[in-house]
PDB file of N, CA and C in Angstrom:
ATOM      1  N   MET A   1       0.854  -1.166   0.000  1.00  0.00           N
ATOM      2  CA  MET A   1       0.000   0.000   0.000  1.00  0.00           C
ATOM      3  C   MET A   1       0.900   1.230   0.000  1.00  0.00           C
ATOM      4  N   ILE A   2       0.568   2.180  -0.833  1.00  0.00           N
ATOM      5  CA  ILE A   2       1.348   3.413  -0.926  1.00  0.00           C
ATOM      6  C   ILE A   2       0.438   4.590  -0.600  1.00  0.00           C
ATOM      7  N   ILE A   3       0.906   5.439   0.294  1.00  0.00           N
ATOM      8  CA  ILE A   3       0.202   6.679   0.616  1.00  0.00           C
ATOM      9  C   ILE A   3       1.173   7.815   0.333  1.00  0.00           C
ATOM     10  N   SER A   4       0.778   8.733  -0.520  1.00  0.00           N
ATOM     11  CA  SER A   4       1.633   9.860  -0.887  1.00  0.00           C
ATOM     12  C   SER A   4       1.546  10.945   0.183  1.00  0.00           C
ATOM     13  N   LEU A   5       2.582  11.031   0.999  1.00  0.00           N
ATOM     14  CA  LEU A   5       2.587  12.025   2.070  1.00  0.00           C
ATOM     15  C   LEU A   5       2.517  13.460   1.536  1.00  0.00           C
ATOM     16  N   PRO A   6       3.254  13.807   0.452  1.00  0.00           N
ATOM     17  CA  PRO A   6       3.111  15.174  -0.073  1.00  0.00           C
ATOM     18  C   PRO A   6       1.669  15.493  -0.484  1.00  0.00           C
ATOM     19  N   TYR A   7       0.983  14.513  -1.096  1.00  0.00           N
ATOM     20  CA  TYR A   7      -0.410  14.725  -1.479  1.00  0.00           C
ATOM     21  C   TYR A   7      -1.290  14.913  -0.247  1.00  0.00           C
ATOM     22  N   ILE A   8      -1.074  14.085   0.782  1.00  0.00           N
ATOM     23  CA  ILE A   8      -1.871  14.174   2.010  1.00  0.00           C
ATOM     24  C   ILE A   8      -1.651  15.521   2.687  1.00  0.00           C
ATOM     25  N   ILE A   9      -0.414  15.967   2.747  1.00  0.00           N
ATOM     26  CA  ILE A   9      -0.110  17.271   3.358  1.00  0.00           C
ATOM     27  C   ILE A   9      -0.830  18.382   2.603  1.00  0.00           C
ATOM     28  N   LYS A  10      -0.762  18.338   1.268  1.00  0.00           N
ATOM     29  CA  LYS A  10      -1.441  19.348   0.445  1.00  0.00           C
ATOM     30  C   LYS A  10      -2.954  19.299   0.671  1.00  0.00           C
ATOM     31  N   TRP A  11      -3.533  18.086   0.650  1.00  0.00           N
ATOM     32  CA  TRP A  11      -4.973  17.930   0.845  1.00  0.00           C
ATOM     33  C   TRP A  11      -5.394  18.469   2.206  1.00  0.00           C
ATOM     34  N   CYS A  12      -4.623  18.152   3.237  1.00  0.00           N
ATOM     35  CA  CYS A  12      -4.952  18.598   4.593  1.00  0.00           C
ATOM     36  C   CYS A  12      -4.899  20.121   4.700  1.00  0.00           C
ATOM     37  N   LYS A  13      -3.928  20.739   4.040  1.00  0.00           N
ATOM     38  CA  LYS A  13      -3.861  22.205   4.048  1.00  0.00           C
ATOM     39  C   LYS A  13      -5.091  22.797   3.371  1.00  0.00           C
ATOM     40  N   GLU A  14      -5.486  22.217   2.244  1.00  0.00           N
ATOM     41  CA  GLU A  14      -6.646  22.721   1.501  1.00  0.00           C
ATOM     42  C   GLU A  14      -7.958  22.525   2.258  1.00  0.00           C
ATOM     43  N   HIS A  15      -8.031  21.510   3.107  1.00  0.00           N
ATOM     44  CA  HIS A  15      -9.268  21.183   3.830  1.00  0.00           C
ATOM     45  C   HIS A  15      -9.179  21.463   5.323  1.00  0.00           C
ATOM     46  N   ASP A  16      -8.152  22.192   5.717  1.00  0.00           N
ATOM     47  CA  ASP A  16      -7.942  22.565   7.119  1.00  0.00           C
ATOM     48  C   ASP A  16      -8.026  21.345   8.043  1.00  0.00           C
ATOM     49  N   GLU A  17      -7.321  20.293   7.657  1.00  0.00           N
ATOM     50  CA  GLU A  17      -7.272  19.044   8.432  1.00  0.00           C
ATOM     51  C   GLU A  17      -5.888  18.883   9.041  1.00  0.00           C
ATOM     52  N   ASN A  18      -5.803  18.114  10.108  1.00  0.00           N
ATOM     53  CA  ASN A  18      -4.551  17.814  10.775  1.00  0.00           C
ATOM     54  C   ASN A  18      -3.968  16.531  10.178  1.00  0.00           C
ATOM     55  N   VAL A  19      -2.755  16.611   9.628  1.00  0.00           N
ATOM     56  CA  VAL A  19      -2.127  15.458   8.985  1.00  0.00           C
ATOM     57  C   VAL A  19      -1.967  14.298   9.963  1.00  0.00           C
ATOM     58  N   LYS A  20      -1.574  14.589  11.188  1.00  0.00           N
ATOM     59  CA  LYS A  20      -1.347  13.526  12.172  1.00  0.00           C
ATOM     60  C   LYS A  20      -2.635  12.798  12.543  1.00  0.00           C
ATOM     61  N   LYS A  21      -3.765  13.444  12.368  1.00  0.00           N
ATOM     62  CA  LYS A  21      -5.047  12.786  12.638  1.00  0.00           C
ATOM     63  C   LYS A  21      -5.608  12.129  11.376  1.00  0.00           C
ATOM     64  N   ARG A  22      -5.314  12.703  10.223  1.00  0.00           N
ATOM     65  CA  ARG A  22      -5.852  12.193   8.963  1.00  0.00           C
ATOM     66  C   ARG A  22      -5.124  10.941   8.477  1.00  0.00           C
ATOM     67  N   LEU A  23      -3.809  10.902   8.668  1.00  0.00           N
ATOM     68  CA  LEU A  23      -3.017   9.791   8.159  1.00  0.00           C
ATOM     69  C   LEU A  23      -3.449   8.434   8.723  1.00  0.00           C
ATOM     70  N   PRO A  24      -3.694   8.299  10.026  1.00  0.00           N
ATOM     71  CA  PRO A  24      -4.174   6.998  10.521  1.00  0.00           C
ATOM     72  C   PRO A  24      -5.518   6.585   9.915  1.00  0.00           C
ATOM     73  N   VAL A  25      -6.364   7.558   9.616  1.00  0.00           N
ATOM     74  CA  VAL A  25      -7.662   7.262   9.004  1.00  0.00           C
ATOM     75  C   VAL A  25      -7.453   6.697   7.600  1.00  0.00           C
ATOM     76  N   LEU A  26      -6.581   7.337   6.826  1.00  0.00           N
ATOM     77  CA  LEU A  26      -6.313   6.866   5.465  1.00  0.00           C
ATOM     78  C   LEU A  26      -5.624   5.504   5.476  1.00  0.00           C
ATOM     79  N   TYR A  27      -4.676   5.331   6.374  1.00  0.00           N
ATOM     80  CA  TYR A  27      -3.973   4.057   6.491  1.00  0.00           C
ATOM     81  C   TYR A  27      -4.965   2.942   6.840  1.00  0.00           C
ATOM     82  N   THR A  28      -5.835   3.203   7.786  1.00  0.00           N
ATOM     83  CA  THR A  28      -6.842   2.222   8.192  1.00  0.00           C
ATOM     84  C   THR A  28      -7.779   1.899   7.042  1.00  0.00           C
ATOM     85  N   HIS A  29      -8.176   2.912   6.295  1.00  0.00           N
ATOM     86  CA  HIS A  29      -9.054   2.714   5.142  1.00  0.00           C
ATOM     87  C   HIS A  29      -8.377   1.794   4.119  1.00  0.00           C
ATOM     88  N   GLY A  30      -7.105   2.060   3.844  1.00  0.00           N
ATOM     89  CA  GLY A  30      -6.362   1.228   2.899  1.00  0.00           C
ATOM     90  C   GLY A  30      -6.207  -0.203   3.379  1.00  0.00           C
ATOM     91  N   ILE A  31      -5.897  -0.372   4.656  1.00  0.00           N
ATOM     92  CA  ILE A  31      -5.767  -1.717   5.223  1.00  0.00           C
ATOM     93  C   ILE A  31      -7.086  -2.476   5.095  1.00  0.00           C
ATOM     94  N   CYS A  32      -8.197  -1.799   5.356  1.00  0.00           N
ATOM     95  CA  CYS A  32      -9.506  -2.454   5.223  1.00  0.00           C
ATOM     96  C   CYS A  32      -9.730  -2.934   3.790  1.00  0.00           C
ATOM     97  N   HIS A  33      -9.330  -2.126   2.802  1.00  0.00           N
ATOM     98  CA  HIS A  33      -9.438  -2.574   1.408  1.00  0.00           C
ATOM     99  C   HIS A  33      -8.562  -3.803   1.178  1.00  0.00           C
ATOM    100  N   LEU A  34      -7.344  -3.786   1.706  1.00  0.00           N
ATOM    101  CA  LEU A  34      -6.416  -4.902   1.492  1.00  0.00           C
ATOM    102  C   LEU A  34      -6.906  -6.212   2.108  1.00  0.00           C
ATOM    103  N   ILE A  35      -7.681  -6.127   3.174  1.00  0.00           N
ATOM    104  CA  ILE A  35      -8.178  -7.363   3.797  1.00  0.00           C
ATOM    105  C   ILE A  35      -9.581  -7.738   3.308  1.00  0.00           C
ATOM    106  N   GLY A  36     -10.041  -7.049   2.249  1.00  0.00           N
ATOM    107  CA  GLY A  36     -11.260  -7.484   1.580  1.00  0.00           C
ATOM    108  C   GLY A  36     -12.493  -6.634   1.752  1.00  0.00           C
ATOM    109  N   TYR A  37     -12.425  -5.566   2.523  1.00  0.00           N
ATOM    110  CA  TYR A  37     -13.594  -4.701   2.688  1.00  0.00           C
ATOM    111  C   TYR A  37     -13.701  -3.752   1.502  1.00  0.00           C
ATOM    112  N   ASP A  38     -14.930  -3.357   1.199  1.00  0.00           N
ATOM    113  CA  ASP A  38     -15.157  -2.395   0.130  1.00  0.00           C
ATOM    114  C   ASP A  38     -16.398  -1.587   0.462  1.00  0.00           C
ATOM    115  N   HIS A  39     -16.609  -0.510  -0.283  1.00  0.00           N
ATOM    116  CA  HIS A  39     -17.761   0.352  -0.021  1.00  0.00           C
ATOM    117  C   HIS A  39     -18.513   0.652  -1.307  1.00  0.00           C
ATOM    118  N   GLU A  40     -18.635  -0.390  -2.140  1.00  0.00           N
ATOM    119  CA  GLU A  40     -19.344  -0.247  -3.409  1.00  0.00           C
ATOM    120  C   GLU A  40     -20.859  -0.155  -3.228  1.00  0.00           C
ATOM    121  N   ASP A  41     -21.377  -0.749  -2.175  1.00  0.00           N
ATOM    122  CA  ASP A  41     -22.817  -0.678  -1.917  1.00  0.00           C
ATOM    123  C   ASP A  41     -23.035  -0.330  -0.443  1.00  0.00           C
ATOM    124  N   ASP A  42     -24.282  -0.097  -0.073  1.00  0.00           N
ATOM    125  CA  ASP A  42     -24.593   0.323   1.300  1.00  0.00           C
ATOM    126  C   ASP A  42     -24.149  -0.700   2.342  1.00  0.00           C
ATOM    127  N   GLU A  43     -24.367  -1.980   2.055  1.00  0.00           N
ATOM    128  CA  GLU A  43     -23.984  -3.021   3.014  1.00  0.00           C
ATOM    129  C   GLU A  43     -22.464  -3.050   3.210  1.00  0.00           C
ATOM    130  N   GLY A  44     -21.726  -2.987   2.107  1.00  0.00           N
ATOM    131  CA  GLY A  44     -20.270  -2.975   2.191  1.00  0.00           C
ATOM    132  C   GLY A  44     -19.754  -1.736   2.892  1.00  0.00           C
ATOM    133  N   TYR A  45     -20.397  -0.609   2.606  1.00  0.00           N
ATOM    134  CA  TYR A  45     -20.013   0.648   3.257  1.00  0.00           C
ATOM    135  C   TYR A  45     -20.170   0.537   4.767  1.00  0.00           C
ATOM    136  N   GLU A  46     -21.311   0.015   5.208  1.00  0.00           N
ATOM    137  CA  GLU A  46     -21.575  -0.120   6.644  1.00  0.00           C
ATOM    138  C   GLU A  46     -20.570  -1.060   7.308  1.00  0.00           C
ATOM    139  N   MET A  47     -20.292  -2.189   6.660  1.00  0.00           N
ATOM    140  CA  MET A  47     -19.344  -3.153   7.226  1.00  0.00           C
ATOM    141  C   MET A  47     -17.936  -2.560   7.305  1.00  0.00           C
ATOM    142  N   MET A  48     -17.528  -1.869   6.234  1.00  0.00           N
ATOM    143  CA  MET A  48     -16.186  -1.283   6.210  1.00  0.00           C
ATOM    144  C   MET A  48     -16.069  -0.165   7.235  1.00  0.00           C
ATOM    145  N   ASN A  49     -17.081   0.663   7.315  1.00  0.00           N
ATOM    146  CA  ASN A  49     -17.064   1.764   8.275  1.00  0.00           C
ATOM    147  C   ASN A  49     -16.975   1.232   9.707  1.00  0.00           C
ATOM    148  N   LYS A  50     -17.721   0.176   9.990  1.00  0.00           N
ATOM    149  CA  LYS A  50     -17.691  -0.425  11.327  1.00  0.00           C
ATOM    150  C   LYS A  50     -16.290  -0.950  11.649  1.00  0.00           C
ATOM    151  N   LYS A  51     -15.666  -1.640  10.701  1.00  0.00           N
ATOM    152  CA  LYS A  51     -14.321  -2.177  10.907  1.00  0.00           C
ATOM    153  C   LYS A  51     -13.314  -1.039  11.096  1.00  0.00           C
ATOM    154  N   GLU A  52     -13.433   0.019  10.297  1.00  0.00           N
ATOM    155  CA  GLU A  52     -12.532   1.167  10.450  1.00  0.00           C
ATOM    156  C   GLU A  52     -12.671   1.781  11.839  1.00  0.00           C
ATOM    157  N   GLN A  53     -13.902   1.934  12.296  1.00  0.00           N
ATOM    158  CA  GLN A  53     -14.133   2.512  13.621  1.00  0.00           C
ATOM    159  C   GLN A  53     -13.503   1.647  14.714  1.00  0.00           C
ATOM    160  N   GLU A  54     -13.645   0.326  14.591  1.00  0.00           N
ATOM    161  CA  GLU A  54     -13.036  -0.591  15.569  1.00  0.00           C
ATOM    162  C   GLU A  54     -11.520  -0.411  15.610  1.00  0.00           C
ATOM    163  N   ILE A  55     -10.909  -0.400  14.438  1.00  0.00           N
ATOM    164  CA  ILE A  55      -9.449  -0.278  14.352  1.00  0.00           C
ATOM    165  C   ILE A  55      -8.996   1.074  14.882  1.00  0.00           C
ATOM    166  N   LEU A  56      -9.667   2.140  14.458  1.00  0.00           N
ATOM    167  CA  LEU A  56      -9.258   3.483  14.877  1.00  0.00           C
ATOM    168  C   LEU A  56      -9.446   3.694  16.374  1.00  0.00           C
ATOM    169  N   LYS A  57     -10.506   3.140  16.938  1.00  0.00           N
ATOM    170  CA  LYS A  57     -10.696   3.274  18.387  1.00  0.00           C
ATOM    171  C   LYS A  57      -9.535   2.631  19.128  1.00  0.00           C
ATOM    172  N   LYS A  58      -9.142   1.440  18.700  1.00  0.00           N
ATOM    173  CA  LYS A  58      -7.999   0.772  19.331  1.00  0.00           C
ATOM    174  C   LYS A  58      -6.722   1.587  19.149  1.00  0.00           C
ATOM    175  N   PHE A  59      -6.540   2.144  17.955  1.00  0.00           N
ATOM    176  CA  PHE A  59      -5.348   2.951  17.699  1.00  0.00           C
ATOM    177  C   PHE A  59      -5.320   4.183  18.595  1.00  0.00           C
ATOM    178  N   TRP A  60      -6.426   4.935  18.633  1.00  0.00           N
ATOM    179  CA  TRP A  60      -6.440   6.167  19.428  1.00  0.00           C
ATOM    180  C   TRP A  60      -6.313   5.855  20.918  1.00  0.00           C
ATOM    181  N   ASP A  61      -6.915   4.761  21.382  1.00  0.00           N
ATOM    182  CA  ASP A  61      -6.752   4.362  22.784  1.00  0.00           C
ATOM    183  C   ASP A  61      -5.290   4.039  23.079  1.00  0.00           C
ATOM    184  N   TRP A  62      -4.658   3.302  22.174  1.00  0.00           N
ATOM    185  CA  TRP A  62      -3.240   2.960  22.322  1.00  0.00           C
ATOM    186  C   TRP A  62      -2.378   4.220  22.305  1.00  0.00           C
ATOM    187  N   LYS A  63      -2.680   5.128  21.374  1.00  0.00           N
ATOM    188  CA  LYS A  63      -1.905   6.370  21.264  1.00  0.00           C
ATOM    189  C   LYS A  63      -2.024   7.198  22.541  1.00  0.00           C
ATOM    190  N   LYS A  64      -3.220   7.273  23.113  1.00  0.00           N
ATOM    191  CA  LYS A  64      -3.410   8.007  24.369  1.00  0.00           C
ATOM    192  C   LYS A  64      -2.538   7.423  25.470  1.00  0.00           C
ATOM    193  N   ARG A  65      -2.509   6.090  25.551  1.00  0.00           N
ATOM    194  CA  ARG A  65      -1.679   5.452  26.577  1.00  0.00           C
ATOM    195  C   ARG A  65      -0.202   5.760  26.348  1.00  0.00           C
ATOM    196  N   CYS A  66       0.229   5.732  25.098  1.00  0.00           N
ATOM    197  CA  CYS A  66       1.639   6.014  24.789  1.00  0.00           C
ATOM    198  C   CYS A  66       1.988   7.473  25.069  1.00  0.00           C
ATOM    199  N   ASP A  67       1.076   8.372  24.713  1.00  0.00           N
ATOM    200  CA  ASP A  67       1.312   9.808  24.903  1.00  0.00           C
ATOM    201  C   ASP A  67       1.075  10.245  26.339  1.00  0.00           C
ATOM    202  N   GLY A  68       0.299   9.463  27.065  1.00  0.00           N
ATOM    203  CA  GLY A  68      -0.087   9.863  28.409  1.00  0.00           C
ATOM    204  C   GLY A  68      -1.120  10.966  28.398  1.00  0.00           C
ATOM    205  N   SER A  69      -1.830  11.106  27.253  1.00  0.00           N
ATOM    206  CA  SER A  69      -2.838  12.168  27.137  1.00  0.00           C
ATOM    207  C   SER A  69      -4.225  11.558  27.025  1.00  0.00           C
ATOM    208  N   GLU A  70      -5.219  12.383  27.295  1.00  0.00           N
ATOM    209  CA  GLU A  70      -6.612  11.942  27.218  1.00  0.00           C
ATOM    210  C   GLU A  70      -7.430  12.792  26.256  1.00  0.00           C
ATOM    211  N   ASN A  71      -6.811  13.664  25.455  1.00  0.00           N
ATOM    212  CA  ASN A  71      -7.607  14.553  24.598  1.00  0.00           C
ATOM    213  C   ASN A  71      -7.483  14.230  23.113  1.00  0.00           C
ATOM    214  N   GLU A  72      -7.321  13.021  22.729  1.00  0.00           N
ATOM    215  CA  GLU A  72      -7.227  12.639  21.327  1.00  0.00           C
ATOM    216  C   GLU A  72      -8.469  11.868  20.890  1.00  0.00           C
ATOM    217  N   SER A  73      -9.644  12.292  21.284  1.00  0.00           N
ATOM    218  CA  SER A  73     -10.852  11.489  21.075  1.00  0.00           C
ATOM    219  C   SER A  73     -11.590  11.801  19.786  1.00  0.00           C
ATOM    220  N   GLU A  74     -10.955  12.383  18.784  1.00  0.00           N
ATOM    221  CA  GLU A  74     -11.648  12.730  17.563  1.00  0.00           C
ATOM    222  C   GLU A  74     -11.648  11.607  16.540  1.00  0.00           C
ATOM    223  N   SER A  75     -11.208  10.422  16.891  1.00  0.00           N
ATOM    224  CA  SER A  75     -11.054   9.341  15.925  1.00  0.00           C
ATOM    225  C   SER A  75     -12.360   8.936  15.262  1.00  0.00           C
ATOM    226  N   GLU A  76     -13.461   8.917  15.982  1.00  0.00           N
ATOM    227  CA  GLU A  76     -14.704   8.439  15.406  1.00  0.00           C
ATOM    228  C   GLU A  76     -15.197   9.340  14.293  1.00  0.00           C
ATOM    229  N   SER A  77     -15.099  10.651  14.459  1.00  0.00           N
ATOM    230  CA  SER A  77     -15.576  11.547  13.415  1.00  0.00           C
ATOM    231  C   SER A  77     -14.596  11.637  12.269  1.00  0.00           C
ATOM    232  N   GLU A  78     -13.336  11.330  12.485  1.00  0.00           N
ATOM    233  CA  GLU A  78     -12.328  11.437  11.449  1.00  0.00           C
ATOM    234  C   GLU A  78     -12.587  10.502  10.276  1.00  0.00           C
ATOM    235  N   SER A  79     -12.978   9.262  10.533  1.00  0.00           N
ATOM    236  CA  SER A  79     -13.109   8.316   9.438  1.00  0.00           C
ATOM    237  C   SER A  79     -14.427   8.464   8.690  1.00  0.00           C
ATOM    238  N   ASP A  80     -15.393   9.172   9.220  1.00  0.00           N
ATOM    239  CA  ASP A  80     -16.657   9.375   8.516  1.00  0.00           C
ATOM    240  C   ASP A  80     -16.421  10.065   7.181  1.00  0.00           C
ATOM    241  N   ASP A  81     -15.554  11.078   7.149  1.00  0.00           N
ATOM    242  CA  ASP A  81     -15.270  11.798   5.917  1.00  0.00           C
ATOM    243  C   ASP A  81     -14.612  10.890   4.890  1.00  0.00           C
ATOM    244  N   GLU A  82     -13.691  10.057   5.318  1.00  0.00           N
ATOM    245  CA  GLU A  82     -12.963   9.182   4.410  1.00  0.00           C
ATOM    246  C   GLU A  82     -13.869   8.160   3.763  1.00  0.00           C
ATOM    247  N   ASN A  83     -14.910   7.743   4.450  1.00  0.00           N
ATOM    248  CA  ASN A  83     -15.732   6.654   3.961  1.00  0.00           C
ATOM    249  C   ASN A  83     -16.799   7.076   2.963  1.00  0.00           C
ATOM    250  N   GLU A  84     -16.865   8.340   2.625  1.00  0.00           N
ATOM    251  CA  GLU A  84     -17.839   8.760   1.632  1.00  0.00           C
ATOM    252  C   GLU A  84     -17.476   8.137   0.294  1.00  0.00           C
ATOM    253  N   ARG A  85     -18.478   7.632  -0.390  1.00  0.00           N
ATOM    254  CA  ARG A  85     -18.216   6.981  -1.676  1.00  0.00           C
ATOM    255  C   ARG A  85     -17.869   7.999  -2.736  1.00  0.00           C
ATOM    256  N   ASP A  86     -16.973   7.610  -3.650  1.00  0.00           N
ATOM    257  CA  ASP A  86     -16.556   8.489  -4.766  1.00  0.00           C
ATOM    258  C   ASP A  86     -17.669   8.669  -5.754  1.00  0.00           C
TER     259      ASP A  86
END
């Protein structure tokens, strides 16, 4: 899986997004595709979104423990934007 960091940085600047919060969402989305999830129809979208939320919650919980912080709780709303169908 390849994620173009220069493209992500540019996109985040254009959409007033935080790269450090957006990158895990994109990475998780890509991993879900690699393990067979897709969002071609409503059922697939719901299943993929649910799996992304599970993964991101674990990631943000882990990150909080590593950082020793408790204010990184925006993970759930972050992946909603990514999951919109093209």
